[in-house]
Amino acid sequence: MKFCSQNSFWSVTSNFIWENKMNYVVLSSKEVFGSHTAKNIATELKNIIDEWSIFNKIVTIVSDNGAYRKSDK
């Protein structure tokens, strides 16, 4: 059976050290609607950061550099 989806999904994960152990958690995983512009992605990411109140705890953000992203021209 072959499964194909036209829907777009994305997940935001967090990696951190707690009590000398590396931890990995999924902060959000959901379907994304609309264009994949930098502005829309930034808005969704900001919403997740605000929901978890982690703005001051973020050291870096890494993206998969997917070809699906579009500029905001």
N, C-alpha and C. Protein backbone atom coordinates (compact mmCIF):
# COMPACT_ATOMS: atom_id res chain seq x y z
N MET A 1 0.84 -1.17 0.00
CA MET A 1 0.00 0.00 0.00
C MET A 1 0.89 1.24 0.00
N LYS A 2 0.63 2.13 -0.88
CA LYS A 2 1.40 3.37 -0.98
C LYS A 2 0.58 4.51 -0.40
N PHE A 3 1.22 5.33 0.43
CA PHE A 3 0.54 6.45 1.08
C PHE A 3 1.19 7.75 0.65
N CYS A 4 0.40 8.64 0.11
CA CYS A 4 0.89 9.97 -0.27
C CYS A 4 -0.03 11.02 0.32
N SER A 5 0.53 12.10 0.74
CA SER A 5 -0.27 13.17 1.33
C SER A 5 0.07 14.49 0.65
N GLN A 6 -0.95 15.24 0.35
CA GLN A 6 -0.75 16.58 -0.19
C GLN A 6 -0.71 17.61 0.93
N ASN A 7 -0.92 17.17 2.14
CA ASN A 7 -0.93 18.07 3.29
C ASN A 7 0.48 18.33 3.77
N SER A 8 0.66 19.49 4.38
CA SER A 8 1.97 19.87 4.92
C SER A 8 1.93 19.80 6.45
N PHE A 9 2.96 19.22 7.01
CA PHE A 9 3.08 19.12 8.46
C PHE A 9 4.46 19.60 8.87
N TRP A 10 4.56 20.07 10.10
CA TRP A 10 5.87 20.40 10.63
C TRP A 10 5.88 20.15 12.11
N SER A 11 7.08 19.90 12.60
CA SER A 11 7.26 19.68 14.04
C SER A 11 8.36 20.58 14.55
N VAL A 12 8.20 21.00 15.79
CA VAL A 12 9.22 21.80 16.46
C VAL A 12 9.67 20.98 17.67
N THR A 13 10.97 20.74 17.73
CA THR A 13 11.52 19.95 18.83
C THR A 13 12.47 20.80 19.66
N SER A 14 12.75 20.33 20.85
CA SER A 14 13.70 21.00 21.73
C SER A 14 14.70 19.96 22.24
N ASN A 15 15.96 20.32 22.21
CA ASN A 15 17.02 19.48 22.76
C ASN A 15 17.69 20.27 23.88
N PHE A 16 17.83 19.64 25.03
CA PHE A 16 18.40 20.37 26.16
C PHE A 16 19.04 19.40 27.16
N ILE A 17 19.91 19.92 27.96
CA ILE A 17 20.56 19.13 29.01
C ILE A 17 19.89 19.45 30.33
N TRP A 18 19.49 18.42 31.05
CA TRP A 18 18.85 18.56 32.35
C TRP A 18 19.41 17.48 33.26
N GLU A 19 19.97 17.89 34.38
CA GLU A 19 20.58 16.98 35.34
C GLU A 19 21.60 16.06 34.67
N ASN A 20 22.47 16.68 33.87
CA ASN A 20 23.55 16.00 33.17
C ASN A 20 23.09 14.94 32.17
N LYS A 21 21.86 15.04 31.69
CA LYS A 21 21.35 14.13 30.67
C LYS A 21 20.79 14.93 29.51
N MET A 22 21.07 14.44 28.28
CA MET A 22 20.51 15.06 27.09
C MET A 22 19.05 14.65 26.97
N ASN A 23 18.18 15.63 26.72
CA ASN A 23 16.74 15.39 26.59
C ASN A 23 16.25 15.92 25.26
N TYR A 24 15.22 15.25 24.72
CA TYR A 24 14.61 15.64 23.46
C TYR A 24 13.10 15.60 23.64
N VAL A 25 12.42 16.68 23.28
CA VAL A 25 10.96 16.71 23.37
C VAL A 25 10.37 17.36 22.12
N VAL A 26 9.15 16.99 21.80
CA VAL A 26 8.41 17.61 20.71
C VAL A 26 7.53 18.70 21.32
N LEU A 27 7.76 19.94 20.92
CA LEU A 27 6.97 21.05 21.43
C LEU A 27 5.67 21.21 20.66
N SER A 28 5.71 20.91 19.37
CA SER A 28 4.53 21.05 18.54
C SER A 28 4.68 20.20 17.29
N SER A 29 3.60 19.61 16.86
CA SER A 29 3.56 18.87 15.60
C SER A 29 2.16 19.06 15.05
N LYS A 30 2.08 19.74 13.89
CA LYS A 30 0.74 20.05 13.39
C LYS A 30 0.75 20.26 11.89
N GLU A 31 -0.45 20.26 11.35
CA GLU A 31 -0.62 20.54 9.93
C GLU A 31 -0.50 22.04 9.71
N VAL A 32 0.16 22.42 8.63
CA VAL A 32 0.37 23.83 8.31
C VAL A 32 -0.43 24.18 7.06
N PHE A 33 -1.20 25.24 7.15
CA PHE A 33 -2.02 25.69 6.03
C PHE A 33 -1.43 26.97 5.45
N GLY A 34 -1.69 27.22 4.21
CA GLY A 34 -1.23 28.46 3.58
C GLY A 34 0.15 28.32 2.98
N SER A 35 0.66 29.41 2.48
CA SER A 35 1.98 29.44 1.83
C SER A 35 3.09 29.26 2.85
N HIS A 36 4.16 28.64 2.42
CA HIS A 36 5.31 28.41 3.29
C HIS A 36 6.32 29.55 3.14
N THR A 37 5.87 30.75 3.38
CA THR A 37 6.75 31.91 3.29
C THR A 37 7.52 32.05 4.60
N ALA A 38 8.62 32.76 4.54
CA ALA A 38 9.41 33.01 5.75
C ALA A 38 8.56 33.70 6.81
N LYS A 39 7.70 34.61 6.39
CA LYS A 39 6.85 35.34 7.34
C LYS A 39 5.87 34.39 8.05
N ASN A 40 5.23 33.51 7.30
CA ASN A 40 4.29 32.57 7.90
C ASN A 40 4.97 31.58 8.83
N ILE A 41 6.14 31.10 8.44
CA ILE A 41 6.89 30.17 9.28
C ILE A 41 7.33 30.87 10.56
N ALA A 42 7.82 32.10 10.43
CA ALA A 42 8.25 32.87 11.61
C ALA A 42 7.08 33.11 12.56
N THR A 43 5.91 33.41 12.02
CA THR A 43 4.73 33.64 12.86
C THR A 43 4.37 32.38 13.63
N GLU A 44 4.33 31.23 12.95
CA GLU A 44 4.01 29.97 13.62
C GLU A 44 5.04 29.63 14.69
N LEU A 45 6.31 29.83 14.37
CA LEU A 45 7.38 29.54 15.32
C LEU A 45 7.27 30.44 16.55
N LYS A 46 6.99 31.72 16.32
CA LYS A 46 6.82 32.66 17.45
C LYS A 46 5.66 32.24 18.34
N ASN A 47 4.56 31.79 17.73
CA ASN A 47 3.42 31.33 18.52
C ASN A 47 3.80 30.16 19.44
N ILE A 48 4.59 29.23 18.92
CA ILE A 48 5.02 28.08 19.73
C ILE A 48 5.97 28.52 20.83
N ILE A 49 6.89 29.42 20.51
CA ILE A 49 7.83 29.93 21.51
C ILE A 49 7.07 30.66 22.62
N ASP A 50 6.09 31.46 22.25
CA ASP A 50 5.27 32.17 23.24
C ASP A 50 4.44 31.20 24.08
N GLU A 51 3.87 30.19 23.44
CA GLU A 51 3.05 29.21 24.16
C GLU A 51 3.85 28.50 25.24
N TRP A 52 5.11 28.20 24.96
CA TRP A 52 5.97 27.49 25.93
C TRP A 52 6.78 28.44 26.80
N SER A 53 6.69 29.75 26.58
CA SER A 53 7.44 30.77 27.34
C SER A 53 8.92 30.44 27.41
N ILE A 54 9.51 30.22 26.23
CA ILE A 54 10.92 29.81 26.18
C ILE A 54 11.82 30.79 25.42
N PHE A 55 11.31 31.98 25.11
CA PHE A 55 12.09 32.93 24.32
C PHE A 55 13.50 33.16 24.90
N ASN A 56 13.60 33.37 26.20
CA ASN A 56 14.89 33.66 26.83
C ASN A 56 15.76 32.42 27.04
N LYS A 57 15.26 31.25 26.67
CA LYS A 57 16.01 30.01 26.85
C LYS A 57 16.58 29.47 25.54
N ILE A 58 16.23 30.08 24.43
CA ILE A 58 16.66 29.60 23.11
C ILE A 58 18.08 30.07 22.82
N VAL A 59 18.92 29.13 22.44
CA VAL A 59 20.30 29.45 22.07
C VAL A 59 20.41 29.56 20.56
N THR A 60 19.78 28.65 19.84
CA THR A 60 19.83 28.67 18.38
C THR A 60 18.60 27.98 17.81
N ILE A 61 18.28 28.31 16.57
CA ILE A 61 17.19 27.66 15.85
C ILE A 61 17.77 27.10 14.57
N VAL A 62 17.44 25.84 14.28
CA VAL A 62 17.95 25.16 13.09
C VAL A 62 16.78 24.71 12.23
N SER A 63 16.89 24.94 10.95
CA SER A 63 15.86 24.53 9.99
C SER A 63 16.42 23.47 9.07
N ASP A 64 15.54 22.68 8.47
CA ASP A 64 15.99 21.66 7.52
C ASP A 64 16.31 22.25 6.15
N ASN A 65 16.11 23.56 5.99
CA ASN A 65 16.41 24.25 4.74
C ASN A 65 15.62 23.66 3.58
N GLY A 66 14.38 23.28 3.85
CA GLY A 66 13.54 22.65 2.83
C GLY A 66 13.30 23.55 1.63
N ALA A 67 13.21 22.91 0.48
CA ALA A 67 12.99 23.64 -0.77
C ALA A 67 11.58 24.19 -0.86
N TYR A 68 10.71 23.78 0.05
CA TYR A 68 9.32 24.23 0.01
C TYR A 68 9.15 25.67 0.44
N ARG A 69 10.15 26.24 1.11
CA ARG A 69 10.00 27.61 1.59
C ARG A 69 10.05 28.60 0.44
N LYS A 70 9.22 29.62 0.54
CA LYS A 70 9.15 30.65 -0.50
C LYS A 70 9.53 31.98 0.11
N SER A 71 10.11 32.84 -0.71
CA SER A 71 10.43 34.18 -0.21
C SER A 71 9.16 35.00 -0.11
N ASP A 72 9.23 36.09 0.61
CA ASP A 72 8.07 36.96 0.81
C ASP A 72 8.04 38.11 -0.19
N LYS A 73 8.40 37.87 -1.41
CA LYS A 73 8.45 38.94 -2.43
C LYS A 73 7.08 39.48 -2.73
